[in-house]
């Protein structure tokens, strides 16, 4: 009977030890998602904002928008990305920011996929116009899918520590 109790105690101890470890892993994923996305959005927005001509050329390369629209998009996309990153960094409306991030990334994937399907040779302009020499469509789409997963973590389990308002 004593052996049975010690086995039960051991299994409870193992279960108890796994719960904090799993909790820590979830916290770490949540932290990395929130602050990683904040960095990504701020960096990408800054790169686009400092080179509006290059950003406009990247937008025009997708062959979706007129030159007037491409110029307008090039002017607003950088500041909007910076604003989204700051919202995540400060922890303001984390779930909503994660949803917006996922939708924007999905739109980027659609744009990249249509350019790839049409055989266009583009520079995605993701992190500035001159960030890459050769566009790897599959890698870019997979990277954006990872960023969508990070956005969804911000929606489902936002890292609220250091948040002003979540």
C-alpha atoms as a PDB file:
ATOM      1  CA  UNK A   1       0.000   0.000   0.000  1.00  0.00           C
ATOM      2  CA  UNK A   2       2.877   2.358   0.744  1.00  0.00           C
ATOM      3  CA  UNK A   3       4.281   1.674  -2.716  1.00  0.00           C
ATOM      4  CA  UNK A   4       0.955   2.634  -4.254  1.00  0.00           C
ATOM      5  CA  UNK A   5       0.880   5.900  -2.347  1.00  0.00           C
ATOM      6  CA  UNK A   6       4.406   6.795  -3.354  1.00  0.00           C
ATOM      7  CA  UNK A   7       3.590   6.108  -7.035  1.00  0.00           C
ATOM      8  CA  UNK A   8       0.502   8.304  -6.777  1.00  0.00           C
ATOM      9  CA  UNK A   9       2.506  11.029  -5.077  1.00  0.00           C
ATOM     10  CA  UNK A  10       5.153  10.819  -7.798  1.00  0.00           C
ATOM     11  CA  UNK A  11       2.624  11.083 -10.616  1.00  0.00           C
ATOM     12  CA  UNK A  12       0.976  14.087  -8.950  1.00  0.00           C
ATOM     13  CA  UNK A  13       4.366  15.692  -8.527  1.00  0.00           C
ATOM     14  CA  UNK A  14       5.120  15.123 -12.227  1.00  0.00           C
ATOM     15  CA  UNK A  15       1.784  16.632 -13.228  1.00  0.00           C
ATOM     16  CA  UNK A  16       2.403  19.590 -10.935  1.00  0.00           C
ATOM     17  CA  UNK A  17       5.825  20.138 -12.436  1.00  0.00           C
ATOM     18  CA  UNK A  18       4.514  20.086 -16.000  1.00  0.00           C
ATOM     19  CA  UNK A  19       1.824  22.670 -15.398  1.00  0.00           C
ATOM     20  CA  UNK A  20       4.250  25.471 -14.462  1.00  0.00           C
ATOM     21  CA  UNK A  21       6.575  24.492 -17.334  1.00  0.00           C
ATOM     22  CA  UNK A  22       3.696  24.565 -19.828  1.00  0.00           C
ATOM     23  CA  UNK A  23       2.560  27.861 -18.343  1.00  0.00           C
ATOM     24  CA  UNK A  24       6.072  29.267 -18.727  1.00  0.00           C
ATOM     25  CA  UNK A  25       6.225  28.136 -22.375  1.00  0.00           C
ATOM     26  CA  UNK A  26       2.877  29.804 -23.112  1.00  0.00           C
ATOM     27  CA  UNK A  27       4.061  32.992 -21.392  1.00  0.00           C
ATOM     28  CA  UNK A  28       7.286  32.941 -23.415  1.00  0.00           C
ATOM     29  CA  UNK A  29       5.407  32.436 -26.708  1.00  0.00           C
ATOM     30  CA  UNK A  30       3.035  35.243 -25.797  1.00  0.00           C
ATOM     31  CA  UNK A  31       5.942  37.554 -24.875  1.00  0.00           C
ATOM     32  CA  UNK A  32       7.871  36.743 -28.069  1.00  0.00           C
ATOM     33  CA  UNK A  33       4.750  37.213 -30.195  1.00  0.00           C
ATOM     34  CA  UNK A  34       3.795  40.588 -28.766  1.00  0.00           C
ATOM     35  CA  UNK A  35       7.210  42.194 -28.583  1.00  0.00           C
ATOM     36  CA  UNK A  36       8.540  40.409 -31.680  1.00  0.00           C
ATOM     37  CA  UNK A  37       5.641  41.682 -33.775  1.00  0.00           C
ATOM     38  CA  UNK A  38       6.060  45.153 -32.280  1.00  0.00           C
ATOM     39  CA  UNK A  39       9.701  45.169 -33.380  1.00  0.00           C
ATOM     40  CA  UNK A  40       8.872  43.777 -36.832  1.00  0.00           C
ATOM     41  CA  UNK A  41       6.139  46.350 -37.491  1.00  0.00           C
ATOM     42  CA  UNK A  42       8.195  49.293 -36.188  1.00  0.00           C
ATOM     43  CA  UNK A  43      11.292  48.229 -38.152  1.00  0.00           C
ATOM     44  CA  UNK A  44       9.364  47.600 -41.383  1.00  0.00           C
ATOM     45  CA  UNK A  45       7.473  50.880 -41.032  1.00  0.00           C
ATOM     46  CA  UNK A  46      10.641  52.844 -40.356  1.00  0.00           C
ATOM     47  CA  UNK A  47      12.367  51.342 -43.401  1.00  0.00           C
ATOM     48  CA  UNK A  48       9.393  52.233 -45.623  1.00  0.00           C
ATOM     49  CA  UNK A  49       9.060  55.727 -44.156  1.00  0.00           C
ATOM     50  CA  UNK A  50      12.695  56.600 -44.788  1.00  0.00           C
ATOM     51  CA  UNK A  51      12.494  55.596 -48.480  1.00  0.00           C
ATOM     52  CA  UNK A  52       9.097  56.659 -49.854  1.00  0.00           C
ATOM     53  CA  UNK A  53      10.274  56.505 -53.489  1.00  0.00           C
ATOM     54  CA  UNK A  54      11.584  52.959 -53.086  1.00  0.00           C
ATOM     55  CA  UNK A  55       8.409  51.978 -51.249  1.00  0.00           C
ATOM     56  CA  UNK A  56       6.297  53.424 -54.061  1.00  0.00           C
ATOM     57  CA  UNK A  57       8.314  51.469 -56.618  1.00  0.00           C
ATOM     58  CA  UNK A  58       7.780  48.284 -54.587  1.00  0.00           C
ATOM     59  CA  UNK A  59       4.020  48.902 -54.432  1.00  0.00           C
ATOM     60  CA  UNK A  60       3.910  49.631 -58.172  1.00  0.00           C
ATOM     61  CA  UNK A  61       5.784  46.366 -58.821  1.00  0.00           C
ATOM     62  CA  UNK A  62       2.766  44.365 -57.644  1.00  0.00           C
ATOM     63  CA  UNK A  63       0.907  45.783 -60.664  1.00  0.00           C
ATOM     64  CA  UNK A  64      -2.349  46.092 -58.739  1.00  0.00           C
ATOM     65  CA  UNK A  65      -2.671  49.818 -58.067  1.00  0.00           C
ATOM     66  CA  UNK A  66      -2.538  52.912 -60.257  1.00  0.00           C
ATOM     67  CA  UNK A  67       0.523  55.155 -59.785  1.00  0.00           C
ATOM     68  CA  UNK A  68      -1.614  57.604 -57.760  1.00  0.00           C
ATOM     69  CA  UNK A  69      -2.788  54.850 -55.401  1.00  0.00           C
ATOM     70  CA  UNK A  70       0.721  53.387 -55.185  1.00  0.00           C
ATOM     71  CA  UNK A  71       2.060  56.796 -54.149  1.00  0.00           C
ATOM     72  CA  UNK A  72      -0.662  57.200 -51.517  1.00  0.00           C
ATOM     73  CA  UNK A  73      -0.096  53.676 -50.156  1.00  0.00           C
ATOM     74  CA  UNK A  74       3.662  54.292 -50.036  1.00  0.00           C
ATOM     75  CA  UNK A  75       3.099  57.427 -47.967  1.00  0.00           C
ATOM     76  CA  UNK A  76       0.761  55.891 -45.398  1.00  0.00           C
ATOM     77  CA  UNK A  77       1.947  52.296 -45.030  1.00  0.00           C
ATOM     78  CA  UNK A  78       5.141  53.094 -43.094  1.00  0.00           C
ATOM     79  CA  UNK A  79       3.507  55.333 -40.471  1.00  0.00           C
ATOM     80  CA  UNK A  80       0.622  52.867 -40.086  1.00  0.00           C
ATOM     81  CA  UNK A  81       3.030  49.980 -39.517  1.00  0.00           C
ATOM     82  CA  UNK A  82       4.937  52.035 -36.945  1.00  0.00           C
ATOM     83  CA  UNK A  83       1.667  52.891 -35.200  1.00  0.00           C
ATOM     84  CA  UNK A  84       0.671  49.220 -35.115  1.00  0.00           C
ATOM     85  CA  UNK A  85       4.037  48.291 -33.629  1.00  0.00           C
ATOM     86  CA  UNK A  86       3.777  51.000 -30.984  1.00  0.00           C
ATOM     87  CA  UNK A  87       0.285  49.809 -30.040  1.00  0.00           C
ATOM     88  CA  UNK A  88       1.655  46.295 -29.500  1.00  0.00           C
ATOM     89  CA  UNK A  89       4.722  47.587 -27.682  1.00  0.00           C
ATOM     90  CA  UNK A  90       2.661  49.698 -25.277  1.00  0.00           C
ATOM     91  CA  UNK A  91       0.063  46.979 -24.819  1.00  0.00           C
ATOM     92  CA  UNK A  92      -2.979  48.912 -25.981  1.00  0.00           C
ATOM     93  CA  UNK A  93      -5.928  46.811 -27.205  1.00  0.00           C
ATOM     94  CA  UNK A  94      -3.706  43.764 -27.657  1.00  0.00           C
ATOM     95  CA  UNK A  95      -6.391  41.435 -29.005  1.00  0.00           C
ATOM     96  CA  UNK A  96      -7.603  43.992 -31.545  1.00  0.00           C
ATOM     97  CA  UNK A  97      -4.031  44.823 -32.565  1.00  0.00           C
ATOM     98  CA  UNK A  98      -3.381  41.120 -33.124  1.00  0.00           C
ATOM     99  CA  UNK A  99      -6.475  40.844 -35.315  1.00  0.00           C
ATOM    100  CA  UNK A 100      -5.471  43.847 -37.429  1.00  0.00           C
ATOM    101  CA  UNK A 101      -1.939  42.478 -37.726  1.00  0.00           C
ATOM    102  CA  UNK A 102      -3.233  39.094 -38.948  1.00  0.00           C
ATOM    103  CA  UNK A 103      -5.531  40.705 -41.533  1.00  0.00           C
ATOM    104  CA  UNK A 104      -2.791  42.987 -42.879  1.00  0.00           C
ATOM    105  CA  UNK A 105      -0.373  40.064 -43.133  1.00  0.00           C
ATOM    106  CA  UNK A 106      -3.016  38.010 -44.938  1.00  0.00           C
ATOM    107  CA  UNK A 107      -3.420  40.862 -47.442  1.00  0.00           C
ATOM    108  CA  UNK A 108       0.353  40.935 -47.918  1.00  0.00           C
ATOM    109  CA  UNK A 109       0.290  37.186 -48.628  1.00  0.00           C
ATOM    110  CA  UNK A 110      -2.474  37.665 -51.201  1.00  0.00           C
ATOM    111  CA  UNK A 111      -0.442  40.398 -52.919  1.00  0.00           C
ATOM    112  CA  UNK A 112       2.723  38.319 -52.963  1.00  0.00           C
ATOM    113  CA  UNK A 113       0.896  35.185 -54.136  1.00  0.00           C
ATOM    114  CA  UNK A 114      -0.814  37.011 -57.018  1.00  0.00           C
ATOM    115  CA  UNK A 115       2.522  38.474 -58.141  1.00  0.00           C
ATOM    116  CA  UNK A 116       4.090  35.009 -57.973  1.00  0.00           C
ATOM    117  CA  UNK A 117       1.188  33.414 -59.879  1.00  0.00           C
ATOM    118  CA  UNK A 118       1.416  36.094 -62.581  1.00  0.00           C
ATOM    119  CA  UNK A 119       5.169  35.587 -62.946  1.00  0.00           C
ATOM    120  CA  UNK A 120       6.045  39.128 -61.848  1.00  0.00           C
ATOM    121  CA  UNK A 121       9.570  39.765 -60.666  1.00  0.00           C
ATOM    122  CA  UNK A 122       9.101  42.016 -57.660  1.00  0.00           C
ATOM    123  CA  UNK A 123      10.820  43.216 -54.537  1.00  0.00           C
ATOM    124  CA  UNK A 124       8.153  42.722 -51.890  1.00  0.00           C
ATOM    125  CA  UNK A 125       9.197  45.898 -50.105  1.00  0.00           C
ATOM    126  CA  UNK A 126       8.456  44.181 -46.813  1.00  0.00           C
ATOM    127  CA  UNK A 127      11.399  45.682 -44.953  1.00  0.00           C
ATOM    128  CA  UNK A 128      12.239  48.521 -47.279  1.00  0.00           C
ATOM    129  CA  UNK A 129      12.757  48.606 -51.006  1.00  0.00           C
ATOM    130  CA  UNK A 130      16.356  47.439 -51.021  1.00  0.00           C
ATOM    131  CA  UNK A 131      16.194  44.849 -48.233  1.00  0.00           C
ATOM    132  CA  UNK A 132      16.435  41.880 -50.596  1.00  0.00           C
ATOM    133  CA  UNK A 133      18.133  41.371 -53.901  1.00  0.00           C
ATOM    134  CA  UNK A 134      16.160  38.333 -55.054  1.00  0.00           C
ATOM    135  CA  UNK A 135      12.546  37.705 -54.099  1.00  0.00           C
ATOM    136  CA  UNK A 136      11.879  34.227 -52.717  1.00  0.00           C
ATOM    137  CA  UNK A 137       8.100  34.060 -52.874  1.00  0.00           C
ATOM    138  CA  UNK A 138       7.677  30.839 -50.903  1.00  0.00           C
ATOM    139  CA  UNK A 139       9.995  31.955 -48.095  1.00  0.00           C
ATOM    140  CA  UNK A 140       8.238  35.332 -47.868  1.00  0.00           C
ATOM    141  CA  UNK A 141       4.799  33.701 -47.683  1.00  0.00           C
ATOM    142  CA  UNK A 142       5.974  31.189 -45.058  1.00  0.00           C
ATOM    143  CA  UNK A 143       7.519  34.013 -43.015  1.00  0.00           C
ATOM    144  CA  UNK A 144       4.249  35.930 -43.150  1.00  0.00           C
ATOM    145  CA  UNK A 145       2.347  32.802 -42.066  1.00  0.00           C
ATOM    146  CA  UNK A 146       4.649  32.663 -39.022  1.00  0.00           C
ATOM    147  CA  UNK A 147       3.855  36.320 -38.350  1.00  0.00           C
ATOM    148  CA  UNK A 148       0.125  35.524 -38.644  1.00  0.00           C
ATOM    149  CA  UNK A 149       0.575  32.758 -36.059  1.00  0.00           C
ATOM    150  CA  UNK A 150       2.278  35.282 -33.775  1.00  0.00           C
ATOM    151  CA  UNK A 151      -0.617  37.694 -34.368  1.00  0.00           C
ATOM    152  CA  UNK A 152      -3.131  34.997 -33.451  1.00  0.00           C
ATOM    153  CA  UNK A 153      -1.234  34.290 -30.239  1.00  0.00           C
ATOM    154  CA  UNK A 154      -1.682  37.993 -29.432  1.00  0.00           C
ATOM    155  CA  UNK A 155      -5.411  37.540 -30.028  1.00  0.00           C
ATOM    156  CA  UNK A 156      -5.867  34.296 -28.121  1.00  0.00           C
ATOM    157  CA  UNK A 157      -3.350  34.777 -25.315  1.00  0.00           C
ATOM    158  CA  UNK A 158      -2.043  38.344 -25.217  1.00  0.00           C
ATOM    159  CA  UNK A 159       0.986  39.025 -23.040  1.00  0.00           C
ATOM    160  CA  UNK A 160      -0.534  41.557 -20.669  1.00  0.00           C
ATOM    161  CA  UNK A 161       2.461  42.267 -18.480  1.00  0.00           C
ATOM    162  CA  UNK A 162       3.667  45.842 -19.075  1.00  0.00           C
ATOM    163  CA  UNK A 163       0.430  46.566 -20.976  1.00  0.00           C
ATOM    164  CA  UNK A 164      -1.199  49.964 -20.591  1.00  0.00           C
ATOM    165  CA  UNK A 165      -4.628  48.660 -21.564  1.00  0.00           C
ATOM    166  CA  UNK A 166      -5.369  45.215 -22.922  1.00  0.00           C
END
